[in-house]
Amino acid sequence: MLTLDPELIQHEPTVLIEEEPALEIALPQVFEQPVLGAVQRGRLLHLEALVARLYQGYQQAPEHGLGSDYQLLVGEFQPLFDWAIASWDYLLSTEGCRFVPRAGEHKAGARGDYRAVTDKDFSRLIHAMFRRAVLDFAQAPDAPSLGQYLRRHFWPMTLDAYRRLDQPADPRQRTLTPYSYLRCVPYQFLNEYHQDLVYGVVERLPAREQSAVNAYFLHFFTEPATAEALVCPAEEVQSLLRGALVKLLVSNRLVYCLLRQIERY
């Protein structure tokens, strides 16, 4: 540690140091949600009759969806869609990012099973929640008009659907986290040396401990799902994992650390 001689400092001229200005990025910015004004344009008359007719057609032929007239509802409630899309920054700053499984072109050149939700995904979510709200209103309305129903239920439904995106596609796996864009089943390390090292060392563990590590760490299973896969009580799974980690901590600390970091994903 660098130290200064007090006697030398006394003979030096006084130096005034200006205090550093506060950083504007010291704290993450939290966006405010826009105020919800009008939810509809007010151009479409007899909305509730239209909803009833659309739902009747949907019951008779669900494979055809809600029919072409459904777009009339979408156009009528465009102000609601605009407000919800404008709430994207607010949602990100208050709820954080969510992840969805990669599909199609998103798989090209990617090693993780998940990718971050984008504004386009959020737009699709909004439309899905609107459609669901229309169907719910048609079956059991708790408001005198569709506009009032949407004002009361649309955002809570959207928020709940967004929050539930932290649940992985495989119900056996642990909840998704902010690191989940790195997740891959079975887990693959970015560095081939780490990949070969971990799998080589884990293969030398006793069979039961190896199975427990493989399920819990490398496949992200929850403890109950790991216990089900190994056909044993949850207490035994904890004992197997604890025993395996102790062996790895003693014999190969790097492998131990690499496995423990997977728990964050």
C-alpha atoms as a PDB file:
ATOM      1  CA  MET A   1       0.000   0.000   0.000  1.00  0.00           C
ATOM      2  CA  LEU A   2       1.378   3.443  -0.972  1.00  0.00           C
ATOM      3  CA  THR A   3       2.052   5.786   1.984  1.00  0.00           C
ATOM      4  CA  LEU A   4       3.128   9.431   2.136  1.00  0.00           C
ATOM      5  CA  ASP A   5       5.609  11.016   4.581  1.00  0.00           C
ATOM      6  CA  PRO A   6       3.722  13.705   6.601  1.00  0.00           C
ATOM      7  CA  GLU A   7       6.915  15.831   6.946  1.00  0.00           C
ATOM      8  CA  LEU A   8       7.258  16.105   3.177  1.00  0.00           C
ATOM      9  CA  ILE A   9       3.650  17.146   2.826  1.00  0.00           C
ATOM     10  CA  GLN A  10       4.079  20.041   5.322  1.00  0.00           C
ATOM     11  CA  HIS A  11       6.744  21.757   3.166  1.00  0.00           C
ATOM     12  CA  GLU A  12       4.823  21.443  -0.071  1.00  0.00           C
ATOM     13  CA  PRO A  13       2.504  24.245  -1.293  1.00  0.00           C
ATOM     14  CA  THR A  14      -1.160  23.752  -0.584  1.00  0.00           C
ATOM     15  CA  VAL A  15      -3.001  22.011  -3.399  1.00  0.00           C
ATOM     16  CA  LEU A  16      -6.742  22.375  -3.640  1.00  0.00           C
ATOM     17  CA  ILE A  17      -8.552  19.415  -5.167  1.00  0.00           C
ATOM     18  CA  GLU A  18     -11.958  20.048  -6.656  1.00  0.00           C
ATOM     19  CA  GLU A  19     -14.548  17.538  -5.582  1.00  0.00           C
ATOM     20  CA  GLU A  20     -15.679  15.148  -8.282  1.00  0.00           C
ATOM     21  CA  PRO A  21     -19.176  15.909  -9.593  1.00  0.00           C
ATOM     22  CA  ALA A  22     -21.804  13.280  -8.932  1.00  0.00           C
ATOM     23  CA  LEU A  23     -22.227  10.800 -11.756  1.00  0.00           C
ATOM     24  CA  GLU A  24     -25.591  10.925 -13.458  1.00  0.00           C
ATOM     25  CA  ILE A  25     -25.436   7.185 -14.028  1.00  0.00           C
ATOM     26  CA  ALA A  26     -24.738   6.341 -10.395  1.00  0.00           C
ATOM     27  CA  LEU A  27     -28.220   4.873 -10.041  1.00  0.00           C
ATOM     28  CA  PRO A  28     -30.250   3.060 -12.698  1.00  0.00           C
ATOM     29  CA  GLN A  29     -32.972   5.170 -14.221  1.00  0.00           C
ATOM     30  CA  VAL A  30     -36.522   4.150 -13.411  1.00  0.00           C
ATOM     31  CA  PHE A  31     -39.032   5.201 -15.995  1.00  0.00           C
ATOM     32  CA  GLU A  32     -42.506   6.330 -15.063  1.00  0.00           C
ATOM     33  CA  GLN A  33     -45.438   4.654 -16.726  1.00  0.00           C
ATOM     34  CA  PRO A  34     -47.419   6.957 -19.019  1.00  0.00           C
ATOM     35  CA  VAL A  35     -50.836   7.963 -17.782  1.00  0.00           C
ATOM     36  CA  LEU A  36     -53.608   5.948 -19.390  1.00  0.00           C
ATOM     37  CA  GLY A  37     -56.011   8.324 -21.068  1.00  0.00           C
ATOM     38  CA  ALA A  38     -58.593   7.186 -23.581  1.00  0.00           C
ATOM     39  CA  VAL A  39     -58.619   3.450 -24.229  1.00  0.00           C
ATOM     40  CA  GLN A  40     -60.616   3.611 -27.473  1.00  0.00           C
ATOM     41  CA  ARG A  41     -61.346   5.890 -30.398  1.00  0.00           C
ATOM     42  CA  GLY A  42     -65.096   5.945 -29.913  1.00  0.00           C
ATOM     43  CA  ARG A  43     -65.838   5.335 -33.579  1.00  0.00           C
ATOM     44  CA  LEU A  44     -67.223   1.815 -33.325  1.00  0.00           C
ATOM     45  CA  LEU A  45     -70.791   1.537 -32.065  1.00  0.00           C
ATOM     46  CA  HIS A  46     -72.412  -1.496 -30.428  1.00  0.00           C
ATOM     47  CA  LEU A  47     -69.078  -2.915 -29.243  1.00  0.00           C
ATOM     48  CA  GLU A  48     -70.590  -5.403 -26.846  1.00  0.00           C
ATOM     49  CA  ALA A  49     -72.873  -6.821 -29.560  1.00  0.00           C
ATOM     50  CA  LEU A  50     -69.855  -7.204 -31.828  1.00  0.00           C
ATOM     51  CA  VAL A  51     -67.926  -9.024 -29.093  1.00  0.00           C
ATOM     52  CA  ALA A  52     -70.869 -11.372 -28.509  1.00  0.00           C
ATOM     53  CA  ARG A  53     -71.069 -12.135 -32.240  1.00  0.00           C
ATOM     54  CA  LEU A  54     -67.326 -12.740 -32.499  1.00  0.00           C
ATOM     55  CA  TYR A  55     -67.372 -15.063 -29.525  1.00  0.00           C
ATOM     56  CA  GLN A  56     -70.331 -16.996 -30.899  1.00  0.00           C
ATOM     57  CA  GLY A  57     -68.472 -17.548 -34.171  1.00  0.00           C
ATOM     58  CA  TYR A  58     -65.367 -18.560 -32.220  1.00  0.00           C
ATOM     59  CA  GLN A  59     -67.336 -21.195 -30.311  1.00  0.00           C
ATOM     60  CA  GLN A  60     -68.703 -22.657 -33.516  1.00  0.00           C
ATOM     61  CA  ALA A  61     -65.343 -22.724 -35.364  1.00  0.00           C
ATOM     62  CA  PRO A  62     -62.399 -22.052 -32.993  1.00  0.00           C
ATOM     63  CA  GLU A  63     -59.915 -23.026 -35.705  1.00  0.00           C
ATOM     64  CA  HIS A  64     -60.905 -19.849 -37.591  1.00  0.00           C
ATOM     65  CA  GLY A  65     -60.075 -17.598 -34.649  1.00  0.00           C
ATOM     66  CA  LEU A  66     -62.243 -14.567 -33.922  1.00  0.00           C
ATOM     67  CA  GLY A  67     -62.864 -13.760 -37.579  1.00  0.00           C
ATOM     68  CA  SER A  68     -62.028 -10.786 -39.768  1.00  0.00           C
ATOM     69  CA  ASP A  69     -64.234  -8.379 -37.789  1.00  0.00           C
ATOM     70  CA  TYR A  70     -61.885  -8.800 -34.827  1.00  0.00           C
ATOM     71  CA  GLN A  71     -59.589  -6.266 -36.509  1.00  0.00           C
ATOM     72  CA  LEU A  72     -62.341  -3.707 -36.017  1.00  0.00           C
ATOM     73  CA  LEU A  73     -61.870  -4.121 -32.267  1.00  0.00           C
ATOM     74  CA  VAL A  74     -58.097  -3.828 -32.591  1.00  0.00           C
ATOM     75  CA  GLY A  75     -58.468  -0.591 -34.527  1.00  0.00           C
ATOM     76  CA  GLU A  76     -61.032   0.792 -32.097  1.00  0.00           C
ATOM     77  CA  PHE A  77     -58.709   0.222 -29.120  1.00  0.00           C
ATOM     78  CA  GLN A  78     -55.541   1.484 -30.819  1.00  0.00           C
ATOM     79  CA  PRO A  79     -55.045   4.139 -28.073  1.00  0.00           C
ATOM     80  CA  LEU A  80     -54.807   1.312 -25.535  1.00  0.00           C
ATOM     81  CA  PHE A  81     -52.208  -0.484 -27.645  1.00  0.00           C
ATOM     82  CA  ASP A  82     -50.208   2.733 -28.067  1.00  0.00           C
ATOM     83  CA  TRP A  83     -50.215   3.311 -24.304  1.00  0.00           C
ATOM     84  CA  ALA A  84     -49.157  -0.264 -23.546  1.00  0.00           C
ATOM     85  CA  ILE A  85     -46.271  -0.117 -26.044  1.00  0.00           C
ATOM     86  CA  ALA A  86     -45.181   3.227 -24.552  1.00  0.00           C
ATOM     87  CA  SER A  87     -44.970   1.436 -21.174  1.00  0.00           C
ATOM     88  CA  TRP A  88     -42.148  -0.855 -22.415  1.00  0.00           C
ATOM     89  CA  ASP A  89     -39.303   1.176 -20.847  1.00  0.00           C
ATOM     90  CA  TYR A  90     -41.225   1.426 -17.584  1.00  0.00           C
ATOM     91  CA  LEU A  91     -41.779  -2.322 -17.527  1.00  0.00           C
ATOM     92  CA  LEU A  92     -38.110  -3.063 -18.173  1.00  0.00           C
ATOM     93  CA  SER A  93     -36.910  -0.698 -15.449  1.00  0.00           C
ATOM     94  CA  THR A  94     -39.327  -2.025 -12.817  1.00  0.00           C
ATOM     95  CA  GLU A  95     -39.582  -5.732 -13.654  1.00  0.00           C
ATOM     96  CA  GLY A  96     -36.265  -6.379 -15.387  1.00  0.00           C
ATOM     97  CA  CYS A  97     -35.584  -8.391 -18.507  1.00  0.00           C
ATOM     98  CA  ARG A  98     -37.234 -11.723 -19.266  1.00  0.00           C
ATOM     99  CA  PHE A  99     -36.156 -14.532 -21.583  1.00  0.00           C
ATOM    100  CA  VAL A 100     -37.854 -16.783 -24.114  1.00  0.00           C
ATOM    101  CA  PRO A 101     -36.612 -19.963 -25.813  1.00  0.00           C
ATOM    102  CA  ARG A 102     -34.663 -19.398 -29.008  1.00  0.00           C
ATOM    103  CA  ALA A 103     -36.395 -20.468 -32.205  1.00  0.00           C
ATOM    104  CA  GLY A 104     -35.819 -20.263 -35.924  1.00  0.00           C
ATOM    105  CA  GLU A 105     -33.275 -17.654 -36.967  1.00  0.00           C
ATOM    106  CA  HIS A 106     -32.418 -16.888 -33.328  1.00  0.00           C
ATOM    107  CA  LYS A 107     -30.677 -20.274 -33.050  1.00  0.00           C
ATOM    108  CA  ALA A 108     -28.082 -19.453 -35.715  1.00  0.00           C
ATOM    109  CA  GLY A 109     -24.659 -19.064 -34.140  1.00  0.00           C
ATOM    110  CA  ALA A 110     -26.041 -19.087 -30.589  1.00  0.00           C
ATOM    111  CA  ARG A 111     -25.104 -21.508 -27.824  1.00  0.00           C
ATOM    112  CA  GLY A 112     -27.767 -20.554 -25.252  1.00  0.00           C
ATOM    113  CA  ASP A 113     -31.291 -21.941 -25.223  1.00  0.00           C
ATOM    114  CA  TYR A 114     -32.805 -18.542 -24.356  1.00  0.00           C
ATOM    115  CA  ARG A 115     -32.741 -14.990 -25.665  1.00  0.00           C
ATOM    116  CA  ALA A 116     -33.899 -11.715 -24.157  1.00  0.00           C
ATOM    117  CA  VAL A 117     -37.464 -10.552 -24.721  1.00  0.00           C
ATOM    118  CA  THR A 118     -37.545  -7.674 -27.205  1.00  0.00           C
ATOM    119  CA  ASP A 119     -40.028  -4.884 -27.867  1.00  0.00           C
ATOM    120  CA  LYS A 120     -41.427  -6.966 -30.743  1.00  0.00           C
ATOM    121  CA  ASP A 121     -42.054  -9.860 -28.354  1.00  0.00           C
ATOM    122  CA  PHE A 122     -43.748  -7.440 -25.977  1.00  0.00           C
ATOM    123  CA  SER A 123     -45.974  -6.170 -28.779  1.00  0.00           C
ATOM    124  CA  ARG A 124     -47.064  -9.754 -29.513  1.00  0.00           C
ATOM    125  CA  LEU A 125     -47.711 -10.266 -25.803  1.00  0.00           C
ATOM    126  CA  ILE A 126     -49.909  -7.173 -25.723  1.00  0.00           C
ATOM    127  CA  HIS A 127     -52.004  -8.433 -28.640  1.00  0.00           C
ATOM    128  CA  ALA A 128     -52.301 -11.876 -27.028  1.00  0.00           C
ATOM    129  CA  MET A 129     -53.524 -10.330 -23.764  1.00  0.00           C
ATOM    130  CA  PHE A 130     -56.010  -8.142 -25.610  1.00  0.00           C
ATOM    131  CA  ARG A 131     -57.462 -11.166 -27.382  1.00  0.00           C
ATOM    132  CA  ARG A 132     -57.666 -13.053 -24.104  1.00  0.00           C
ATOM    133  CA  ALA A 133     -59.377 -10.078 -22.416  1.00  0.00           C
ATOM    134  CA  VAL A 134     -61.964  -9.914 -25.207  1.00  0.00           C
ATOM    135  CA  LEU A 135     -62.739 -13.633 -24.764  1.00  0.00           C
ATOM    136  CA  ASP A 136     -62.907 -13.290 -20.980  1.00  0.00           C
ATOM    137  CA  PHE A 137     -65.265 -10.316 -21.267  1.00  0.00           C
ATOM    138  CA  ALA A 138     -67.502 -12.229 -23.689  1.00  0.00           C
ATOM    139  CA  GLN A 139     -67.834 -15.112 -21.205  1.00  0.00           C
ATOM    140  CA  ALA A 140     -68.046 -13.383 -17.836  1.00  0.00           C
ATOM    141  CA  PRO A 141     -68.055  -9.589 -18.008  1.00  0.00           C
ATOM    142  CA  ASP A 142     -67.643  -7.795 -14.680  1.00  0.00           C
ATOM    143  CA  ALA A 143     -67.956  -4.323 -16.240  1.00  0.00           C
ATOM    144  CA  PRO A 144     -70.780  -2.719 -18.233  1.00  0.00           C
ATOM    145  CA  SER A 145     -68.577  -2.108 -21.277  1.00  0.00           C
ATOM    146  CA  LEU A 146     -65.522  -3.606 -22.924  1.00  0.00           C
ATOM    147  CA  GLY A 147     -63.667  -0.313 -22.531  1.00  0.00           C
ATOM    148  CA  GLN A 148     -64.152  -0.314 -18.760  1.00  0.00           C
ATOM    149  CA  TYR A 149     -63.218  -3.992 -18.584  1.00  0.00           C
ATOM    150  CA  LEU A 150     -59.960  -3.371 -20.431  1.00  0.00           C
ATOM    151  CA  ARG A 151     -59.148  -0.324 -18.299  1.00  0.00           C
ATOM    152  CA  ARG A 152     -59.529  -2.492 -15.213  1.00  0.00           C
ATOM    153  CA  HIS A 153     -57.925  -5.758 -16.359  1.00  0.00           C
ATOM    154  CA  PHE A 154     -55.692  -5.272 -19.395  1.00  0.00           C
ATOM    155  CA  TRP A 155     -52.483  -4.076 -17.720  1.00  0.00           C
ATOM    156  CA  PRO A 156     -52.669  -6.480 -14.725  1.00  0.00           C
ATOM    157  CA  MET A 157     -53.104  -9.350 -17.204  1.00  0.00           C
ATOM    158  CA  THR A 158     -50.167  -8.118 -19.287  1.00  0.00           C
ATOM    159  CA  LEU A 159     -47.967  -7.625 -16.219  1.00  0.00           C
ATOM    160  CA  ASP A 160     -48.784 -11.096 -14.916  1.00  0.00           C
ATOM    161  CA  ALA A 161     -48.014 -12.691 -18.297  1.00  0.00           C
ATOM    162  CA  TYR A 162     -44.692 -10.840 -18.487  1.00  0.00           C
ATOM    163  CA  ARG A 163     -43.705 -11.900 -14.974  1.00  0.00           C
ATOM    164  CA  ARG A 164     -44.513 -15.534 -15.757  1.00  0.00           C
ATOM    165  CA  LEU A 165     -41.888 -15.502 -18.519  1.00  0.00           C
ATOM    166  CA  ASP A 166     -39.332 -16.314 -15.806  1.00  0.00           C
ATOM    167  CA  GLN A 167     -40.698 -19.854 -15.827  1.00  0.00           C
ATOM    168  CA  PRO A 168     -38.615 -22.093 -18.133  1.00  0.00           C
ATOM    169  CA  ALA A 169     -40.130 -24.119 -20.947  1.00  0.00           C
ATOM    170  CA  ASP A 170     -39.203 -27.300 -19.053  1.00  0.00           C
ATOM    171  CA  PRO A 171     -41.096 -27.310 -15.711  1.00  0.00           C
ATOM    172  CA  ARG A 172     -38.339 -29.459 -14.194  1.00  0.00           C
ATOM    173  CA  GLN A 173     -35.855 -26.601 -14.464  1.00  0.00           C
ATOM    174  CA  ARG A 174     -35.135 -23.764 -12.074  1.00  0.00           C
ATOM    175  CA  THR A 175     -36.601 -20.296 -12.571  1.00  0.00           C
ATOM    176  CA  LEU A 176     -34.902 -18.137 -15.199  1.00  0.00           C
ATOM    177  CA  THR A 177     -32.591 -15.359 -13.988  1.00  0.00           C
ATOM    178  CA  PRO A 178     -30.892 -12.274 -15.502  1.00  0.00           C
ATOM    179  CA  TYR A 179     -28.084 -14.639 -16.585  1.00  0.00           C
ATOM    180  CA  SER A 180     -30.381 -17.037 -18.430  1.00  0.00           C
ATOM    181  CA  TYR A 181     -29.254 -15.997 -21.904  1.00  0.00           C
ATOM    182  CA  LEU A 182     -26.245 -18.250 -21.111  1.00  0.00           C
ATOM    183  CA  ARG A 183     -28.341 -21.311 -20.353  1.00  0.00           C
ATOM    184  CA  CYS A 184     -27.957 -24.395 -22.513  1.00  0.00           C
ATOM    185  CA  VAL A 185     -29.210 -27.925 -21.852  1.00  0.00           C
ATOM    186  CA  PRO A 186     -27.011 -29.739 -21.189  1.00  0.00           C
ATOM    187  CA  TYR A 187     -24.931 -26.776 -20.051  1.00  0.00           C
ATOM    188  CA  GLN A 188     -21.991 -25.961 -22.325  1.00  0.00           C
ATOM    189  CA  PHE A 189     -19.139 -23.744 -21.187  1.00  0.00           C
ATOM    190  CA  LEU A 190     -17.875 -20.948 -23.411  1.00  0.00           C
ATOM    191  CA  ASN A 191     -14.316 -22.216 -23.024  1.00  0.00           C
ATOM    192  CA  GLU A 192     -13.627 -25.697 -24.446  1.00  0.00           C
ATOM    193  CA  TYR A 193     -10.949 -26.249 -21.811  1.00  0.00           C
ATOM    194  CA  HIS A 194     -13.510 -25.674 -19.053  1.00  0.00           C
ATOM    195  CA  GLN A 195     -16.001 -27.861 -20.892  1.00  0.00           C
ATOM    196  CA  ASP A 196     -13.644 -30.829 -21.129  1.00  0.00           C
ATOM    197  CA  LEU A 197     -12.309 -30.279 -17.623  1.00  0.00           C
ATOM    198  CA  VAL A 198     -15.702 -30.208 -15.883  1.00  0.00           C
ATOM    199  CA  TYR A 199     -17.190 -33.146 -17.756  1.00  0.00           C
ATOM    200  CA  GLY A 200     -14.004 -35.190 -17.315  1.00  0.00           C
ATOM    201  CA  VAL A 201     -13.847 -34.550 -13.566  1.00  0.00           C
ATOM    202  CA  VAL A 202     -17.597 -35.075 -13.000  1.00  0.00           C
ATOM    203  CA  GLU A 203     -17.389 -38.441 -14.785  1.00  0.00           C
ATOM    204  CA  ARG A 204     -14.968 -39.629 -12.100  1.00  0.00           C
ATOM    205  CA  LEU A 205     -17.439 -39.020  -9.296  1.00  0.00           C
ATOM    206  CA  PRO A 206     -19.420 -41.955  -7.836  1.00  0.00           C
ATOM    207  CA  ALA A 207     -22.359 -42.836 -10.089  1.00  0.00           C
ATOM    208  CA  ARG A 208     -25.104 -41.428  -7.839  1.00  0.00           C
ATOM    209  CA  GLU A 209     -23.242 -38.176  -7.181  1.00  0.00           C
ATOM    210  CA  GLN A 210     -22.486 -37.862 -10.900  1.00  0.00           C
ATOM    211  CA  SER A 211     -26.192 -38.251 -11.735  1.00  0.00           C
ATOM    212  CA  ALA A 212     -27.149 -35.652  -9.146  1.00  0.00           C
ATOM    213  CA  VAL A 213     -24.599 -33.118 -10.442  1.00  0.00           C
ATOM    214  CA  ASN A 214     -25.641 -33.777 -14.035  1.00  0.00           C
ATOM    215  CA  ALA A 215     -29.335 -33.213 -13.312  1.00  0.00           C
ATOM    216  CA  TYR A 216     -29.063 -30.287 -10.900  1.00  0.00           C
ATOM    217  CA  PHE A 217     -26.172 -28.301 -12.354  1.00  0.00           C
ATOM    218  CA  LEU A 218     -25.849 -29.282 -16.017  1.00  0.00           C
ATOM    219  CA  HIS A 219     -29.595 -29.574 -16.730  1.00  0.00           C
ATOM    220  CA  PHE A 220     -30.785 -26.871 -14.275  1.00  0.00           C
ATOM    221  CA  PHE A 221     -33.295 -29.206 -12.586  1.00  0.00           C
ATOM    222  CA  THR A 222     -34.890 -28.103  -9.335  1.00  0.00           C
ATOM    223  CA  GLU A 223     -34.149 -30.234  -6.281  1.00  0.00           C
ATOM    224  CA  PRO A 224     -37.607 -31.928  -6.429  1.00  0.00           C
ATOM    225  CA  ALA A 225     -37.112 -32.663 -10.147  1.00  0.00           C
ATOM    226  CA  THR A 226     -33.607 -33.981  -9.448  1.00  0.00           C
ATOM    227  CA  ALA A 227     -35.021 -36.222  -6.723  1.00  0.00           C
ATOM    228  CA  GLU A 228     -37.667 -37.495  -9.150  1.00  0.00           C
ATOM    229  CA  ALA A 229     -35.034 -38.184 -11.814  1.00  0.00           C
ATOM    230  CA  LEU A 230     -32.884 -40.112  -9.316  1.00  0.00           C
ATOM    231  CA  VAL A 231     -35.941 -41.767  -7.696  1.00  0.00           C
ATOM    232  CA  CYS A 232     -34.920 -40.751  -4.196  1.00  0.00           C
ATOM    233  CA  PRO A 233     -35.992 -38.325  -1.430  1.00  0.00           C
ATOM    234  CA  ALA A 234     -35.002 -34.649  -1.654  1.00  0.00           C
ATOM    235  CA  GLU A 235     -32.851 -35.077   1.474  1.00  0.00           C
ATOM    236  CA  GLU A 236     -30.774 -37.687  -0.328  1.00  0.00           C
ATOM    237  CA  VAL A 237     -30.305 -35.347  -3.295  1.00  0.00           C
ATOM    238  CA  GLN A 238     -28.954 -32.647  -0.974  1.00  0.00           C
ATOM    239  CA  SER A 239     -26.607 -35.179   0.589  1.00  0.00           C
ATOM    240  CA  LEU A 240     -25.374 -36.372  -2.818  1.00  0.00           C
ATOM    241  CA  LEU A 241     -24.801 -32.826  -4.072  1.00  0.00           C
ATOM    242  CA  ARG A 242     -23.059 -31.829  -0.855  1.00  0.00           C
ATOM    243  CA  GLY A 243     -20.805 -34.879  -1.020  1.00  0.00           C
ATOM    244  CA  ALA A 244     -19.937 -34.243  -4.666  1.00  0.00           C
ATOM    245  CA  LEU A 245     -19.139 -30.579  -4.064  1.00  0.00           C
ATOM    246  CA  VAL A 246     -16.909 -31.376  -1.096  1.00  0.00           C
ATOM    247  CA  LYS A 247     -14.925 -33.854  -3.206  1.00  0.00           C
ATOM    248  CA  LEU A 248     -14.591 -31.304  -6.012  1.00  0.00           C
ATOM    249  CA  LEU A 249     -13.603 -28.519  -3.637  1.00  0.00           C
ATOM    250  CA  VAL A 250     -10.751 -30.655  -2.355  1.00  0.00           C
ATOM    251  CA  SER A 251      -9.635 -32.239  -5.634  1.00  0.00           C
ATOM    252  CA  ASN A 252     -10.341 -29.518  -8.218  1.00  0.00           C
ATOM    253  CA  ARG A 253     -11.405 -26.099  -6.972  1.00  0.00           C
ATOM    254  CA  LEU A 254     -11.829 -24.706 -10.508  1.00  0.00           C
ATOM    255  CA  VAL A 255     -14.442 -27.341 -11.375  1.00  0.00           C
ATOM    256  CA  TYR A 256     -16.179 -26.629  -8.067  1.00  0.00           C
ATOM    257  CA  CYS A 257     -16.331 -22.896  -8.864  1.00  0.00           C
ATOM    258  CA  LEU A 258     -17.514 -23.480 -12.432  1.00  0.00           C
ATOM    259  CA  LEU A 259     -20.381 -25.654 -11.235  1.00  0.00           C
ATOM    260  CA  ARG A 260     -21.407 -23.251  -8.489  1.00  0.00           C
ATOM    261  CA  GLN A 261     -21.588 -20.356 -10.925  1.00  0.00           C
ATOM    262  CA  ILE A 262     -24.145 -22.300 -12.991  1.00  0.00           C
ATOM    263  CA  GLU A 263     -26.607 -21.858 -10.112  1.00  0.00           C
ATOM    264  CA  ARG A 264     -26.853 -18.174 -11.079  1.00  0.00           C
ATOM    265  CA  TYR A 265     -28.138 -19.043 -14.542  1.00  0.00           C
END
